[in-house]
Amino acid sequence: FNGPQHDGPTEWFSERTAQAQIDRDRMKQEISKRLDIALVTLRPEDLTFKRIKEVLGRFLPLRPVSATEPIIAFLERKSREYREAIGRALRRRRRVKDATPVHAKAS
């Protein structure tokens, strides 16, 4: 699973930390490709039962699972809460970035 820090700095991850994560991701992709291993990367928008089943169903044999099972309902709720929190954090980051004076952006 890749959260926003896999794309760049966030309010929780500095530029240095995010860049280190991006470098590790790139290394993981290269190793997976070289060893012919399917690397499945999920993003916050993928955190739904339907989407995860679509993505992983191509790689794993899955037992029949119903979206109405209590554990699935719990995971759907937690995933929705996470996606909403990430959305709020990204909107805050955009507002801060947009509010930064032009001369400060060039530094």
Protein backbone atom coordinates (compact mmCIF):
# COMPACT_ATOMS: atom_id res chain seq x y z
CA PHE A 1 0.00 0.00 0.00
CA ASN A 2 1.32 3.42 -0.94
CA GLY A 3 0.11 6.47 0.93
CA PRO A 4 0.84 10.07 -0.10
CA GLN A 5 4.43 9.96 1.21
CA HIS A 6 5.23 7.70 -1.74
CA ASP A 7 4.69 10.73 -4.02
CA GLY A 8 6.45 13.42 -2.01
CA PRO A 9 6.56 15.21 1.34
CA THR A 10 3.45 15.46 3.48
CA GLU A 11 2.68 17.12 6.77
CA TRP A 12 3.93 13.92 8.45
CA PHE A 13 6.88 13.07 6.17
CA SER A 14 9.70 15.48 5.34
CA GLU A 15 11.18 15.92 1.87
CA ARG A 16 14.14 13.76 2.88
CA THR A 17 11.97 10.97 4.32
CA ALA A 18 9.60 11.00 1.34
CA GLN A 19 12.49 10.91 -1.15
CA ALA A 20 14.01 7.94 0.68
CA GLN A 21 10.64 6.18 0.39
CA ILE A 22 10.40 6.98 -3.31
CA ASP A 23 13.92 5.60 -3.81
CA ARG A 24 12.99 2.38 -1.97
CA ASP A 25 9.84 2.07 -4.08
CA ARG A 26 11.87 2.41 -7.26
CA MET A 27 14.33 -0.22 -6.04
CA LYS A 28 11.46 -2.57 -5.15
CA GLN A 29 9.97 -2.09 -8.64
CA GLU A 30 13.31 -2.83 -10.33
CA ILE A 31 13.95 -5.95 -8.24
CA SER A 32 10.41 -7.22 -8.81
CA LYS A 33 10.72 -6.72 -12.54
CA ARG A 34 14.14 -8.39 -12.69
CA LEU A 35 12.88 -11.41 -10.73
CA ASP A 36 9.60 -11.53 -12.65
CA ILE A 37 7.54 -10.98 -9.50
CA ALA A 38 4.19 -9.26 -9.77
CA LEU A 39 4.31 -6.15 -7.60
CA VAL A 40 0.85 -4.94 -6.70
CA THR A 41 0.67 -1.37 -5.48
CA LEU A 42 -2.53 -0.11 -3.93
CA ARG A 43 -3.31 3.58 -3.43
CA PRO A 44 -5.81 5.17 -1.02
CA GLU A 45 -8.46 5.26 -3.77
CA ASP A 46 -8.05 1.48 -4.17
CA LEU A 47 -9.06 0.76 -0.58
CA THR A 48 -12.47 -0.68 -1.24
CA PHE A 49 -13.54 -4.30 -1.13
CA LYS A 50 -14.53 -4.24 -4.78
CA ARG A 51 -11.27 -2.70 -5.99
CA ILE A 52 -8.98 -4.88 -3.87
CA LYS A 53 -10.83 -7.97 -5.04
CA GLU A 54 -10.41 -6.81 -8.67
CA VAL A 55 -6.69 -6.19 -8.29
CA LEU A 56 -5.71 -9.18 -6.17
CA GLY A 57 -8.13 -11.59 -7.82
CA ARG A 58 -5.84 -11.66 -10.83
CA PHE A 59 -2.97 -12.93 -8.69
CA LEU A 60 -4.45 -14.99 -5.87
CA PRO A 61 -6.98 -17.74 -5.61
CA LEU A 62 -9.72 -16.26 -3.45
CA ARG A 63 -12.40 -18.06 -1.52
CA PRO A 64 -15.88 -16.71 -2.11
CA VAL A 65 -16.22 -13.59 0.02
CA SER A 66 -19.34 -11.54 0.53
CA ALA A 67 -19.22 -7.77 0.96
CA THR A 68 -21.76 -8.25 3.78
CA GLU A 69 -19.39 -10.22 6.03
CA PRO A 70 -18.76 -8.30 9.28
CA ILE A 71 -14.98 -8.13 8.74
CA ILE A 72 -15.47 -6.73 5.24
CA ALA A 73 -17.92 -4.11 6.55
CA PHE A 74 -15.38 -3.14 9.23
CA LEU A 75 -12.54 -2.90 6.70
CA GLU A 76 -14.70 -0.85 4.32
CA ARG A 77 -15.52 1.60 7.13
CA LYS A 78 -11.88 1.94 8.20
CA SER A 79 -10.73 2.32 4.59
CA ARG A 80 -13.32 5.05 3.98
CA GLU A 81 -12.16 6.89 7.13
CA TYR A 82 -8.56 6.65 5.92
CA ARG A 83 -9.39 7.90 2.41
CA GLU A 84 -11.31 10.84 3.91
CA ALA A 85 -8.39 11.71 6.22
CA ILE A 86 -5.92 11.54 3.33
CA GLY A 87 -8.21 13.74 1.24
CA ARG A 88 -8.34 16.35 4.02
CA ALA A 89 -4.54 16.27 4.42
CA LEU A 90 -3.98 16.68 0.68
CA ARG A 91 -6.42 19.61 0.53
CA ARG A 92 -4.59 21.28 3.46
CA ARG A 93 -1.27 20.76 1.68
CA ARG A 94 -2.65 22.36 -1.50
CA ARG A 95 -4.01 25.34 0.47
CA VAL A 96 -0.64 25.87 2.17
CA LYS A 97 1.19 25.51 -1.15
CA ASP A 98 -1.22 27.91 -2.89
CA ALA A 99 -0.88 30.44 -0.04
CA THR A 100 2.94 30.43 -0.17
CA PRO A 101 4.22 33.75 -1.59
CA VAL A 102 5.84 33.49 -5.03
CA HIS A 103 9.25 34.66 -3.77
CA ALA A 104 9.20 31.94 -1.08
CA LYS A 105 8.42 29.23 -3.67
CA ALA A 106 11.53 30.09 -5.69
CA SER A 107 13.87 29.54 -2.73
